[in-house]
Amino acid sequence: MISHALSPRSRIAGTGSYVPERLVTNAELEARLGTSDAWIREHTGLLGRRVAAEGETTSDMAAIAARRAVAAAGLTVADLDLIILATSTGDSPLPATAAHLQHKLGADLIPSFDLGASSAGFLYALTVGDQFIAAGTFKTVLVVGADMPSRVIDPECRTLNVLFGDGAGAVVLTASDGARGILSATLHADGTLAELMRIPGGGSAEPLTVEGIKNKRQFLRMDAPRVRELTMQHLTRTATRALKAARITSAELDWVVAQQGNVRLAEAISGRLGFPSARVLLEPGDHANTMAASIPITLDRAVRSGTIKDGQTVLACALGAGLVWGALIVRM
């Protein structure tokens, strides 16, 4: 576990996001997978999910979101000192997708790397970027969360096709002005639970073979009921720890951004925190669970719509494969 709380050291200077054009509705899944719109709405609250076009890559999505964040910060790509890309579904196993992102942005020879922490990846990456700024190593850090789960989900899997979508979100971190910024962060991992959410084939433990492909070892597998149970448990606890580290109460929060992908789950977590569901930022009609991109997409849309205003305090929390999870509190 890592936890920190100090005076704000870095702040979010700009946000950006991108989702593919194609919207896969519940009706489409109903016809293709034998599920029902009523069941999906009742159990998840989701209305649709975005799916990337043929030939579109994770780095393509990341580049669009990144450019929008840089522009929103009033900066140019030349101002960036570091790029951190949180993703579990990169363009290829090698090189890091951040290298492709750097190239597509036209950035100078600045350090760029991937960070793999599944759906909690953006929170992990924000914390790492905050540490670099706190140390004085870099002044301006681009943090991106981008994932394309549609490429690693069995097209015939009813449960996962309902829950996941593609997208990218980004923020630019700069030094805090003293009032705004990251107030606290708590990060956790429990490798004993790694079997609950994984892609078995394609790594050094199980190089992918023709037989592996035949048996669909290249696709994501998840014990959805167990992951849901642990998400409720761990996100409630880690959010409470983040509040204590920031020395504030839930009553002092303006908004909660819980991991997207299951509206019912996010509402239940906010209830346990004693936080009104009306103050939970959700986008059920659009992008579902875009893994590392979920939180930055929701943040960006809320900022651009004027829902999140300067000076407001936001709690973000997420859990993903590993299992890894975390919570972060930021004053916008």
C-alpha atoms as a PDB file:
ATOM      1  CA  MET A   1       0.000   0.000   0.000  1.00  0.00           C
ATOM      2  CA  ILE A   2       1.124   3.546  -0.699  1.00  0.00           C
ATOM      3  CA  SER A   3      -0.511   6.573   0.820  1.00  0.00           C
ATOM      4  CA  HIS A   4       0.466  10.212   0.905  1.00  0.00           C
ATOM      5  CA  ALA A   5      -1.007  13.496   1.984  1.00  0.00           C
ATOM      6  CA  LEU A   6       0.799  16.805   1.837  1.00  0.00           C
ATOM      7  CA  SER A   7       0.004  20.289   0.671  1.00  0.00           C
ATOM      8  CA  PRO A   8      -0.870  20.000  -3.030  1.00  0.00           C
ATOM      9  CA  ARG A   9       2.252  19.479  -5.120  1.00  0.00           C
ATOM     10  CA  SER A  10       0.743  19.172  -8.580  1.00  0.00           C
ATOM     11  CA  ARG A  11      -2.539  20.224 -10.098  1.00  0.00           C
ATOM     12  CA  ILE A  12      -4.599  19.321 -13.137  1.00  0.00           C
ATOM     13  CA  ALA A  13      -4.047  22.171 -15.587  1.00  0.00           C
ATOM     14  CA  GLY A  14      -6.046  20.727 -18.486  1.00  0.00           C
ATOM     15  CA  THR A  15      -8.204  17.729 -19.427  1.00  0.00           C
ATOM     16  CA  GLY A  16      -9.086  15.969 -22.673  1.00  0.00           C
ATOM     17  CA  SER A  17     -10.885  12.837 -23.840  1.00  0.00           C
ATOM     18  CA  TYR A  18     -11.908  10.815 -26.862  1.00  0.00           C
ATOM     19  CA  VAL A  19     -14.314   7.955 -27.564  1.00  0.00           C
ATOM     20  CA  PRO A  20     -14.798   6.208 -30.901  1.00  0.00           C
ATOM     21  CA  GLU A  21     -17.722   7.171 -33.100  1.00  0.00           C
ATOM     22  CA  ARG A  22     -19.436   3.797 -33.087  1.00  0.00           C
ATOM     23  CA  LEU A  23     -21.959   3.311 -30.271  1.00  0.00           C
ATOM     24  CA  VAL A  24     -22.993  -0.274 -29.549  1.00  0.00           C
ATOM     25  CA  THR A  25     -26.423  -0.091 -27.964  1.00  0.00           C
ATOM     26  CA  ASN A  26     -28.114  -2.563 -25.655  1.00  0.00           C
ATOM     27  CA  ALA A  27     -30.482  -3.377 -28.508  1.00  0.00           C
ATOM     28  CA  GLU A  28     -27.555  -4.468 -30.687  1.00  0.00           C
ATOM     29  CA  LEU A  29     -26.213  -6.744 -27.950  1.00  0.00           C
ATOM     30  CA  GLU A  30     -29.725  -8.048 -27.353  1.00  0.00           C
ATOM     31  CA  ALA A  31     -29.939  -9.207 -30.947  1.00  0.00           C
ATOM     32  CA  ARG A  32     -26.406 -10.591 -31.134  1.00  0.00           C
ATOM     33  CA  LEU A  33     -25.875 -12.201 -27.730  1.00  0.00           C
ATOM     34  CA  GLY A  34     -29.333 -13.142 -26.537  1.00  0.00           C
ATOM     35  CA  THR A  35     -29.298 -10.785 -23.582  1.00  0.00           C
ATOM     36  CA  SER A  36     -31.937  -8.118 -23.007  1.00  0.00           C
ATOM     37  CA  ASP A  37     -31.958  -4.354 -22.742  1.00  0.00           C
ATOM     38  CA  ALA A  38     -34.064  -4.633 -19.583  1.00  0.00           C
ATOM     39  CA  TRP A  39     -31.549  -6.979 -17.903  1.00  0.00           C
ATOM     40  CA  ILE A  40     -28.586  -4.739 -18.810  1.00  0.00           C
ATOM     41  CA  ARG A  41     -30.308  -1.613 -17.508  1.00  0.00           C
ATOM     42  CA  GLU A  42     -31.433  -3.297 -14.302  1.00  0.00           C
ATOM     43  CA  HIS A  43     -28.087  -4.878 -13.396  1.00  0.00           C
ATOM     44  CA  THR A  44     -25.621  -2.288 -14.698  1.00  0.00           C
ATOM     45  CA  GLY A  45     -27.513   0.887 -15.619  1.00  0.00           C
ATOM     46  CA  LEU A  46     -25.626   0.957 -18.940  1.00  0.00           C
ATOM     47  CA  LEU A  47     -27.194   2.154 -22.173  1.00  0.00           C
ATOM     48  CA  GLY A  48     -24.287   1.726 -24.578  1.00  0.00           C
ATOM     49  CA  ARG A  49     -20.564   1.378 -25.096  1.00  0.00           C
ATOM     50  CA  ARG A  50     -18.117   2.715 -27.707  1.00  0.00           C
ATOM     51  CA  VAL A  51     -16.125   0.411 -30.002  1.00  0.00           C
ATOM     52  CA  ALA A  52     -13.103   1.461 -32.041  1.00  0.00           C
ATOM     53  CA  ALA A  53     -13.153   1.399 -35.821  1.00  0.00           C
ATOM     54  CA  GLU A  54     -11.169  -1.134 -37.804  1.00  0.00           C
ATOM     55  CA  GLY A  55      -7.558   0.056 -37.975  1.00  0.00           C
ATOM     56  CA  GLU A  56      -7.929   2.422 -35.018  1.00  0.00           C
ATOM     57  CA  THR A  57      -5.364   1.828 -32.256  1.00  0.00           C
ATOM     58  CA  THR A  58      -4.979   2.632 -28.586  1.00  0.00           C
ATOM     59  CA  SER A  59      -2.277   5.199 -29.375  1.00  0.00           C
ATOM     60  CA  ASP A  60      -4.578   6.881 -31.911  1.00  0.00           C
ATOM     61  CA  MET A  61      -7.201   7.410 -29.210  1.00  0.00           C
ATOM     62  CA  ALA A  62      -4.577   8.494 -26.682  1.00  0.00           C
ATOM     63  CA  ALA A  63      -3.131  11.080 -29.067  1.00  0.00           C
ATOM     64  CA  ILE A  64      -6.500  12.783 -29.630  1.00  0.00           C
ATOM     65  CA  ALA A  65      -7.256  12.937 -25.892  1.00  0.00           C
ATOM     66  CA  ALA A  66      -3.727  14.172 -25.172  1.00  0.00           C
ATOM     67  CA  ARG A  67      -3.875  16.997 -27.706  1.00  0.00           C
ATOM     68  CA  ARG A  68      -7.155  18.171 -26.231  1.00  0.00           C
ATOM     69  CA  ALA A  69      -5.714  18.157 -22.710  1.00  0.00           C
ATOM     70  CA  VAL A  70      -2.607  20.073 -23.751  1.00  0.00           C
ATOM     71  CA  ALA A  71      -4.723  22.679 -25.534  1.00  0.00           C
ATOM     72  CA  ALA A  72      -7.039  23.002 -22.512  1.00  0.00           C
ATOM     73  CA  ALA A  73      -3.992  23.690 -20.335  1.00  0.00           C
ATOM     74  CA  GLY A  74      -3.005  26.553 -22.648  1.00  0.00           C
ATOM     75  CA  LEU A  75       0.227  24.779 -23.539  1.00  0.00           C
ATOM     76  CA  THR A  76       1.852  23.122 -26.536  1.00  0.00           C
ATOM     77  CA  VAL A  77       3.399  19.684 -26.899  1.00  0.00           C
ATOM     78  CA  ALA A  78       6.808  21.377 -26.685  1.00  0.00           C
ATOM     79  CA  ASP A  79       6.039  22.265 -23.053  1.00  0.00           C
ATOM     80  CA  LEU A  80       5.776  18.605 -21.977  1.00  0.00           C
ATOM     81  CA  ASP A  81       8.589  17.045 -19.935  1.00  0.00           C
ATOM     82  CA  LEU A  82       7.206  13.519 -19.522  1.00  0.00           C
ATOM     83  CA  ILE A  83       4.471  11.233 -20.898  1.00  0.00           C
ATOM     84  CA  ILE A  84       2.895   8.470 -18.792  1.00  0.00           C
ATOM     85  CA  LEU A  85       0.376   6.241 -20.543  1.00  0.00           C
ATOM     86  CA  ALA A  86      -1.789   3.942 -18.418  1.00  0.00           C
ATOM     87  CA  THR A  87      -2.998   1.050 -20.560  1.00  0.00           C
ATOM     88  CA  SER A  88      -3.477  -2.708 -20.484  1.00  0.00           C
ATOM     89  CA  THR A  89      -4.399  -2.992 -24.163  1.00  0.00           C
ATOM     90  CA  GLY A  90      -1.518  -1.339 -25.986  1.00  0.00           C
ATOM     91  CA  ASP A  91      -0.873  -1.311 -29.709  1.00  0.00           C
ATOM     92  CA  SER A  92       1.484  -4.289 -29.403  1.00  0.00           C
ATOM     93  CA  PRO A  93       3.492  -6.152 -26.743  1.00  0.00           C
ATOM     94  CA  LEU A  94       6.620  -4.214 -27.770  1.00  0.00           C
ATOM     95  CA  PRO A  95       7.421  -1.312 -27.812  1.00  0.00           C
ATOM     96  CA  ALA A  96       5.557   0.636 -25.166  1.00  0.00           C
ATOM     97  CA  THR A  97       2.488   2.313 -26.618  1.00  0.00           C
ATOM     98  CA  ALA A  98       3.719   5.562 -25.042  1.00  0.00           C
ATOM     99  CA  ALA A  99       6.469   5.564 -27.676  1.00  0.00           C
ATOM    100  CA  HIS A 100       3.838   5.589 -30.427  1.00  0.00           C
ATOM    101  CA  LEU A 101       1.955   8.301 -28.544  1.00  0.00           C
ATOM    102  CA  GLN A 102       5.056  10.465 -28.275  1.00  0.00           C
ATOM    103  CA  HIS A 103       5.665  10.090 -32.008  1.00  0.00           C
ATOM    104  CA  LYS A 104       2.059  10.905 -32.952  1.00  0.00           C
ATOM    105  CA  LEU A 105       2.116  14.009 -30.766  1.00  0.00           C
ATOM    106  CA  GLY A 106       5.378  15.167 -32.327  1.00  0.00           C
ATOM    107  CA  ALA A 107       6.945  15.514 -28.890  1.00  0.00           C
ATOM    108  CA  ASP A 108      10.665  16.029 -28.410  1.00  0.00           C
ATOM    109  CA  LEU A 109      12.877  13.264 -27.025  1.00  0.00           C
ATOM    110  CA  ILE A 110      11.166  13.320 -23.624  1.00  0.00           C
ATOM    111  CA  PRO A 111      10.849  10.180 -21.494  1.00  0.00           C
ATOM    112  CA  SER A 112       7.645   8.272 -22.254  1.00  0.00           C
ATOM    113  CA  PHE A 113       6.510   5.003 -20.723  1.00  0.00           C
ATOM    114  CA  ASP A 114       3.520   2.725 -20.182  1.00  0.00           C
ATOM    115  CA  LEU A 115       2.065   1.926 -16.788  1.00  0.00           C
ATOM    116  CA  GLY A 116       0.020  -1.265 -16.444  1.00  0.00           C
ATOM    117  CA  ALA A 117      -2.464  -1.215 -13.585  1.00  0.00           C
ATOM    118  CA  SER A 118      -5.658  -2.109 -15.431  1.00  0.00           C
ATOM    119  CA  SER A 119      -8.674   0.041 -14.525  1.00  0.00           C
ATOM    120  CA  ALA A 120      -6.730   1.661 -11.665  1.00  0.00           C
ATOM    121  CA  GLY A 121      -3.955   2.631 -14.066  1.00  0.00           C
ATOM    122  CA  PHE A 122      -4.900   6.278 -14.400  1.00  0.00           C
ATOM    123  CA  LEU A 123      -4.868   6.776 -10.619  1.00  0.00           C
ATOM    124  CA  TYR A 124      -1.490   5.013 -10.381  1.00  0.00           C
ATOM    125  CA  ALA A 125      -0.142   7.166 -13.225  1.00  0.00           C
ATOM    126  CA  LEU A 126      -1.407  10.394 -11.663  1.00  0.00           C
ATOM    127  CA  THR A 127       0.348   9.493  -8.428  1.00  0.00           C
ATOM    128  CA  VAL A 128       3.607   8.775 -10.268  1.00  0.00           C
ATOM    129  CA  GLY A 129       3.361  12.067 -12.146  1.00  0.00           C
ATOM    130  CA  ASP A 130       2.716  13.889  -8.884  1.00  0.00           C
ATOM    131  CA  GLN A 131       5.878  12.347  -7.416  1.00  0.00           C
ATOM    132  CA  PHE A 132       8.008  13.535 -10.354  1.00  0.00           C
ATOM    133  CA  ILE A 133       6.730  17.088  -9.959  1.00  0.00           C
ATOM    134  CA  ALA A 134       7.161  16.986  -6.177  1.00  0.00           C
ATOM    135  CA  ALA A 135      10.783  15.897  -6.624  1.00  0.00           C
ATOM    136  CA  GLY A 136      11.427  18.765  -9.002  1.00  0.00           C
ATOM    137  CA  THR A 137      12.434  16.343 -11.765  1.00  0.00           C
ATOM    138  CA  PHE A 138       9.798  17.563 -14.211  1.00  0.00           C
ATOM    139  CA  LYS A 139       7.497  20.585 -14.401  1.00  0.00           C
ATOM    140  CA  THR A 140       4.841  19.450 -16.880  1.00  0.00           C
ATOM    141  CA  VAL A 141       3.617  15.850 -17.098  1.00  0.00           C
ATOM    142  CA  LEU A 142       1.085  14.412 -19.532  1.00  0.00           C
ATOM    143  CA  VAL A 143      -0.898  11.557 -17.961  1.00  0.00           C
ATOM    144  CA  VAL A 144      -3.102   9.497 -20.275  1.00  0.00           C
ATOM    145  CA  GLY A 145      -5.434   6.576 -19.667  1.00  0.00           C
ATOM    146  CA  ALA A 146      -6.346   4.671 -22.845  1.00  0.00           C
ATOM    147  CA  ASP A 147      -7.748   1.203 -23.387  1.00  0.00           C
ATOM    148  CA  MET A 148      -9.373  -0.817 -26.142  1.00  0.00           C
ATOM    149  CA  PRO A 149     -10.951  -3.813 -24.373  1.00  0.00           C
ATOM    150  CA  SER A 150     -13.104  -4.600 -27.432  1.00  0.00           C
ATOM    151  CA  ARG A 151      -9.976  -6.201 -28.974  1.00  0.00           C
ATOM    152  CA  VAL A 152      -9.410  -8.568 -26.026  1.00  0.00           C
ATOM    153  CA  ILE A 153     -12.991  -9.670 -25.308  1.00  0.00           C
ATOM    154  CA  ASP A 154     -14.526 -12.793 -26.811  1.00  0.00           C
ATOM    155  CA  PRO A 155     -17.206 -11.537 -29.237  1.00  0.00           C
ATOM    156  CA  GLU A 156     -19.499 -14.269 -27.898  1.00  0.00           C
ATOM    157  CA  CYS A 157     -19.092 -13.347 -24.218  1.00  0.00           C
ATOM    158  CA  ARG A 158     -22.352 -11.779 -23.099  1.00  0.00           C
ATOM    159  CA  THR A 159     -21.162 -10.476 -19.710  1.00  0.00           C
ATOM    160  CA  LEU A 160     -17.992  -8.679 -20.777  1.00  0.00           C
ATOM    161  CA  ASN A 161     -19.354  -7.255 -24.026  1.00  0.00           C
ATOM    162  CA  VAL A 162     -22.020  -5.550 -21.944  1.00  0.00           C
ATOM    163  CA  LEU A 163     -19.588  -4.004 -19.461  1.00  0.00           C
ATOM    164  CA  PHE A 164     -16.637  -2.724 -21.524  1.00  0.00           C
ATOM    165  CA  GLY A 165     -16.002  -0.058 -24.156  1.00  0.00           C
ATOM    166  CA  ASP A 166     -13.083   1.754 -25.804  1.00  0.00           C
ATOM    167  CA  GLY A 167     -11.765   5.252 -25.145  1.00  0.00           C
ATOM    168  CA  ALA A 168      -9.029   7.562 -23.898  1.00  0.00           C
ATOM    169  CA  GLY A 169      -8.730  10.404 -21.403  1.00  0.00           C
ATOM    170  CA  ALA A 170      -5.838  12.677 -20.463  1.00  0.00           C
ATOM    171  CA  VAL A 171      -4.733  15.382 -18.074  1.00  0.00           C
ATOM    172  CA  VAL A 172      -1.770  17.730 -17.919  1.00  0.00           C
ATOM    173  CA  LEU A 173      -0.138  18.011 -14.499  1.00  0.00           C
ATOM    174  CA  THR A 174       1.798  21.125 -13.515  1.00  0.00           C
ATOM    175  CA  ALA A 175       3.078  22.453 -10.206  1.00  0.00           C
ATOM    176  CA  SER A 176       0.320  23.393  -7.764  1.00  0.00           C
ATOM    177  CA  ASP A 177      -0.562  27.015  -7.131  1.00  0.00           C
ATOM    178  CA  GLY A 178      -0.970  26.146  -3.442  1.00  0.00           C
ATOM    179  CA  ALA A 179      -4.757  25.893  -3.351  1.00  0.00           C
ATOM    180  CA  ARG A 180      -5.578  23.395  -6.065  1.00  0.00           C
ATOM    181  CA  GLY A 181      -4.095  19.988  -6.698  1.00  0.00           C
ATOM    182  CA  ILE A 182      -3.815  16.388  -5.552  1.00  0.00           C
ATOM    183  CA  LEU A 183      -4.609  16.256  -1.842  1.00  0.00           C
ATOM    184  CA  SER A 184      -4.119  12.540  -1.181  1.00  0.00           C
ATOM    185  CA  ALA A 185      -3.768   9.168  -2.864  1.00  0.00           C
ATOM    186  CA  THR A 186      -3.994   5.579  -1.669  1.00  0.00           C
ATOM    187  CA  LEU A 187      -2.872   2.670  -3.861  1.00  0.00           C
ATOM    188  CA  HIS A 188      -3.122  -1.058  -3.176  1.00  0.00           C
ATOM    189  CA  ALA A 189      -2.501  -4.452  -4.801  1.00  0.00           C
ATOM    190  CA  ASP A 190      -3.264  -8.075  -3.932  1.00  0.00           C
ATOM    191  CA  GLY A 191      -1.598 -10.563  -6.269  1.00  0.00           C
ATOM    192  CA  THR A 192      -3.295 -13.502  -4.578  1.00  0.00           C
ATOM    193  CA  LEU A 193      -6.426 -12.464  -6.479  1.00  0.00           C
ATOM    194  CA  ALA A 194      -4.782 -12.299  -9.910  1.00  0.00           C
ATOM    195  CA  GLU A 195      -6.810 -15.215 -11.256  1.00  0.00           C
ATOM    196  CA  LEU A 196     -10.064 -13.272 -10.953  1.00  0.00           C
ATOM    197  CA  MET A 197      -9.371 -11.069 -13.969  1.00  0.00           C
ATOM    198  CA  ARG A 198      -6.764 -12.013 -16.567  1.00  0.00           C
ATOM    199  CA  ILE A 199      -5.816 -12.747 -20.141  1.00  0.00           C
ATOM    200  CA  PRO A 200      -4.154 -16.198 -19.853  1.00  0.00           C
ATOM    201  CA  GLY A 201      -2.345 -16.444 -23.190  1.00  0.00           C
ATOM    202  CA  GLY A 202       0.214 -14.242 -24.899  1.00  0.00           C
ATOM    203  CA  GLY A 203       2.855 -13.740 -22.200  1.00  0.00           C
ATOM    204  CA  SER A 204       5.994 -15.567 -21.051  1.00  0.00           C
ATOM    205  CA  ALA A 205       3.984 -17.948 -18.842  1.00  0.00           C
ATOM    206  CA  GLU A 206       1.823 -19.064 -21.744  1.00  0.00           C
ATOM    207  CA  PRO A 207       3.064 -18.039 -25.184  1.00  0.00           C
ATOM    208  CA  LEU A 208       0.092 -17.978 -27.503  1.00  0.00           C
ATOM    209  CA  THR A 209      -0.210 -20.972 -29.830  1.00  0.00           C
ATOM    210  CA  VAL A 210      -2.719 -22.085 -32.456  1.00  0.00           C
ATOM    211  CA  GLU A 211      -4.252 -24.333 -29.808  1.00  0.00           C
ATOM    212  CA  GLY A 212      -4.385 -21.416 -27.375  1.00  0.00           C
ATOM    213  CA  ILE A 213      -6.191 -19.261 -29.910  1.00  0.00           C
ATOM    214  CA  LYS A 214      -8.624 -22.104 -30.606  1.00  0.00           C
ATOM    215  CA  ASN A 215      -9.395 -22.244 -26.886  1.00  0.00           C
ATOM    216  CA  LYS A 216      -9.729 -18.447 -26.703  1.00  0.00           C
ATOM    217  CA  ARG A 217      -6.804 -17.998 -24.297  1.00  0.00           C
ATOM    218  CA  GLN A 218      -6.130 -14.579 -25.869  1.00  0.00           C
ATOM    219  CA  PHE A 219      -9.346 -13.149 -24.434  1.00  0.00           C
ATOM    220  CA  LEU A 220     -10.112 -11.502 -21.112  1.00  0.00           C
ATOM    221  CA  ARG A 221     -11.553 -13.761 -18.417  1.00  0.00           C
ATOM    222  CA  MET A 222     -13.226 -12.383 -15.321  1.00  0.00           C
ATOM    223  CA  ASP A 223     -15.113 -13.733 -12.344  1.00  0.00           C
ATOM    224  CA  ALA A 224     -17.603 -10.869 -12.533  1.00  0.00           C
ATOM    225  CA  PRO A 225     -19.594 -11.573  -9.319  1.00  0.00           C
ATOM    226  CA  ARG A 226     -16.441 -11.901  -7.217  1.00  0.00           C
ATOM    227  CA  VAL A 227     -14.823  -8.816  -8.770  1.00  0.00           C
ATOM    228  CA  ARG A 228     -17.986  -6.839  -8.123  1.00  0.00           C
ATOM    229  CA  GLU A 229     -17.997  -7.917  -4.477  1.00  0.00           C
ATOM    230  CA  LEU A 230     -14.349  -6.968  -3.999  1.00  0.00           C
ATOM    231  CA  THR A 231     -14.823  -3.656  -5.813  1.00  0.00           C
ATOM    232  CA  MET A 232     -17.517  -2.708  -3.328  1.00  0.00           C
ATOM    233  CA  GLN A 233     -15.342  -3.745  -0.395  1.00  0.00           C
ATOM    234  CA  HIS A 234     -11.998  -2.302  -1.450  1.00  0.00           C
ATOM    235  CA  LEU A 235     -13.140   0.960  -3.023  1.00  0.00           C
ATOM    236  CA  THR A 236     -15.194   1.862   0.012  1.00  0.00           C
ATOM    237  CA  ARG A 237     -12.203   1.249   2.280  1.00  0.00           C
ATOM    238  CA  THR A 238      -9.597   2.959   0.131  1.00  0.00           C
ATOM    239  CA  ALA A 239     -11.867   5.972  -0.418  1.00  0.00           C
ATOM    240  CA  THR A 240     -12.223   6.278   3.347  1.00  0.00           C
ATOM    241  CA  ARG A 241      -8.437   6.141   3.729  1.00  0.00           C
ATOM    242  CA  ALA A 242      -7.981   8.824   1.069  1.00  0.00           C
ATOM    243  CA  LEU A 243     -10.451  11.082   2.884  1.00  0.00           C
ATOM    244  CA  LYS A 244      -8.593  10.619   6.161  1.00  0.00           C
ATOM    245  CA  ALA A 245      -5.238  11.267   4.499  1.00  0.00           C
ATOM    246  CA  ALA A 246      -6.606  14.496   3.005  1.00  0.00           C
ATOM    247  CA  ARG A 247      -8.081  15.397   6.413  1.00  0.00           C
ATOM    248  CA  ILE A 248     -11.541  15.979   5.009  1.00  0.00           C
ATOM    249  CA  THR A 249     -14.904  14.231   5.311  1.00  0.00           C
ATOM    250  CA  SER A 250     -17.249  13.015   2.598  1.00  0.00           C
ATOM    251  CA  ALA A 251     -19.444  16.032   3.387  1.00  0.00           C
ATOM    252  CA  GLU A 252     -16.638  18.251   2.068  1.00  0.00           C
ATOM    253  CA  LEU A 253     -16.547  16.490  -1.304  1.00  0.00           C
ATOM    254  CA  ASP A 254     -18.268  18.033  -4.280  1.00  0.00           C
ATOM    255  CA  TRP A 255     -18.132  15.013  -6.583  1.00  0.00           C
ATOM    256  CA  VAL A 256     -17.268  11.307  -6.669  1.00  0.00           C
ATOM    257  CA  VAL A 257     -15.980   9.618  -9.826  1.00  0.00           C
ATOM    258  CA  ALA A 258     -16.178   5.884  -9.206  1.00  0.00           C
ATOM    259  CA  GLN A 259     -14.973   3.400 -11.791  1.00  0.00           C
ATOM    260  CA  GLN A 260     -17.430   3.497 -14.714  1.00  0.00           C
ATOM    261  CA  GLY A 261     -18.981   0.360 -16.155  1.00  0.00           C
ATOM    262  CA  ASN A 262     -21.636  -0.380 -13.585  1.00  0.00           C
ATOM    263  CA  VAL A 263     -23.876   2.450 -12.469  1.00  0.00           C
ATOM    264  CA  ARG A 264     -25.448   0.344  -9.735  1.00  0.00           C
ATOM    265  CA  LEU A 265     -22.023  -0.418  -8.266  1.00  0.00           C
ATOM    266  CA  ALA A 266     -20.971   3.244  -8.245  1.00  0.00           C
ATOM    267  CA  GLU A 267     -24.214   4.217  -6.536  1.00  0.00           C
ATOM    268  CA  ALA A 268     -23.735   1.518  -3.891  1.00  0.00           C
ATOM    269  CA  ILE A 269     -20.183   2.691  -3.134  1.00  0.00           C
ATOM    270  CA  SER A 270     -21.321   6.294  -2.743  1.00  0.00           C
ATOM    271  CA  GLY A 271     -24.083   5.117  -0.425  1.00  0.00           C
ATOM    272  CA  ARG A 272     -21.599   3.366   1.819  1.00  0.00           C
ATOM    273  CA  LEU A 273     -19.576   6.578   1.980  1.00  0.00           C
ATOM    274  CA  GLY A 274     -22.675   8.492   2.966  1.00  0.00           C
ATOM    275  CA  PHE A 275     -22.457  10.509  -0.229  1.00  0.00           C
ATOM    276  CA  PRO A 276     -25.590  11.413  -2.238  1.00  0.00           C
ATOM    277  CA  SER A 277     -25.910   9.537  -5.530  1.00  0.00           C
ATOM    278  CA  ALA A 278     -26.795  12.824  -7.264  1.00  0.00           C
ATOM    279  CA  ARG A 279     -23.177  13.883  -6.700  1.00  0.00           C
ATOM    280  CA  VAL A 280     -21.726  10.765  -8.335  1.00  0.00           C
ATOM    281  CA  LEU A 281     -20.507  11.531 -11.857  1.00  0.00           C
ATOM    282  CA  LEU A 282     -21.673   8.843 -14.267  1.00  0.00           C
ATOM    283  CA  GLU A 283     -21.865   8.532 -18.046  1.00  0.00           C
ATOM    284  CA  PRO A 284     -23.924   5.348 -18.463  1.00  0.00           C
ATOM    285  CA  GLY A 285     -25.278   6.256 -21.876  1.00  0.00           C
ATOM    286  CA  ASP A 286     -21.953   6.492 -23.635  1.00  0.00           C
ATOM    287  CA  HIS A 287     -18.732   4.712 -22.844  1.00  0.00           C
ATOM    288  CA  ALA A 288     -19.266   1.993 -20.172  1.00  0.00           C
ATOM    289  CA  ASN A 289     -16.044   0.718 -18.546  1.00  0.00           C
ATOM    290  CA  THR A 290     -13.105   1.948 -20.618  1.00  0.00           C
ATOM    291  CA  MET A 291     -10.677   0.622 -17.982  1.00  0.00           C
ATOM    292  CA  ALA A 292      -7.837   3.139 -17.433  1.00  0.00           C
ATOM    293  CA  ALA A 293      -9.710   5.731 -19.511  1.00  0.00           C
ATOM    294  CA  SER A 294     -12.948   5.734 -17.497  1.00  0.00           C
ATOM    295  CA  ILE A 295     -12.001   8.274 -14.847  1.00  0.00           C
ATOM    296  CA  PRO A 296     -10.219  10.815 -17.105  1.00  0.00           C
ATOM    297  CA  ILE A 297     -13.053  10.686 -19.678  1.00  0.00           C
ATOM    298  CA  THR A 298     -15.623  11.412 -16.979  1.00  0.00           C
ATOM    299  CA  LEU A 299     -13.465  14.167 -15.479  1.00  0.00           C
ATOM    300  CA  ASP A 300     -12.973  15.847 -18.830  1.00  0.00           C
ATOM    301  CA  ARG A 301     -16.638  15.814 -19.748  1.00  0.00           C
ATOM    302  CA  ALA A 302     -17.624  17.181 -16.354  1.00  0.00           C
ATOM    303  CA  VAL A 303     -15.037  19.961 -16.578  1.00  0.00           C
ATOM    304  CA  ARG A 304     -16.023  20.949 -20.120  1.00  0.00           C
ATOM    305  CA  SER A 305     -19.739  20.939 -19.312  1.00  0.00           C
ATOM    306  CA  GLY A 306     -19.143  23.180 -16.298  1.00  0.00           C
ATOM    307  CA  THR A 307     -20.345  20.500 -13.879  1.00  0.00           C
ATOM    308  CA  ILE A 308     -16.955  20.462 -12.137  1.00  0.00           C
ATOM    309  CA  LYS A 309     -15.849  23.980 -11.314  1.00  0.00           C
ATOM    310  CA  ASP A 310     -12.519  25.428 -10.207  1.00  0.00           C
ATOM    311  CA  GLY A 311     -11.913  24.867  -6.514  1.00  0.00           C
ATOM    312  CA  GLN A 312     -14.250  21.901  -6.189  1.00  0.00           C
ATOM    313  CA  THR A 313     -13.026  18.696  -4.560  1.00  0.00           C
ATOM    314  CA  VAL A 314     -13.313  15.349  -6.351  1.00  0.00           C
ATOM    315  CA  LEU A 315     -12.777  11.790  -5.116  1.00  0.00           C
ATOM    316  CA  ALA A 316     -11.848   9.251  -7.809  1.00  0.00           C
ATOM    317  CA  CYS A 317     -11.581   5.505  -7.171  1.00  0.00           C
ATOM    318  CA  ALA A 318     -11.111   2.398  -9.302  1.00  0.00           C
ATOM    319  CA  LEU A 319     -10.231  -1.320  -9.160  1.00  0.00           C
ATOM    320  CA  GLY A 320      -8.806  -3.542 -11.864  1.00  0.00           C
ATOM    321  CA  ALA A 321      -6.954  -6.752 -12.683  1.00  0.00           C
ATOM    322  CA  GLY A 322      -4.137  -7.690 -10.344  1.00  0.00           C
ATOM    323  CA  LEU A 323      -6.084  -7.038  -8.271  1.00  0.00           C
ATOM    324  CA  VAL A 324      -5.052  -3.396  -8.000  1.00  0.00           C
ATOM    325  CA  TRP A 325      -7.114  -0.510  -6.708  1.00  0.00           C
ATOM    326  CA  GLY A 326      -6.836   3.007  -5.400  1.00  0.00           C
ATOM    327  CA  ALA A 327      -8.459   6.323  -4.571  1.00  0.00           C
ATOM    328  CA  LEU A 328      -7.307   9.879  -5.132  1.00  0.00           C
ATOM    329  CA  ILE A 329      -8.649  13.227  -3.982  1.00  0.00           C
ATOM    330  CA  VAL A 330      -7.998  16.322  -6.047  1.00  0.00           C
ATOM    331  CA  ARG A 331      -9.077  19.935  -5.743  1.00  0.00           C
ATOM    332  CA  MET A 332      -9.744  21.155  -9.265  1.00  0.00           C
END
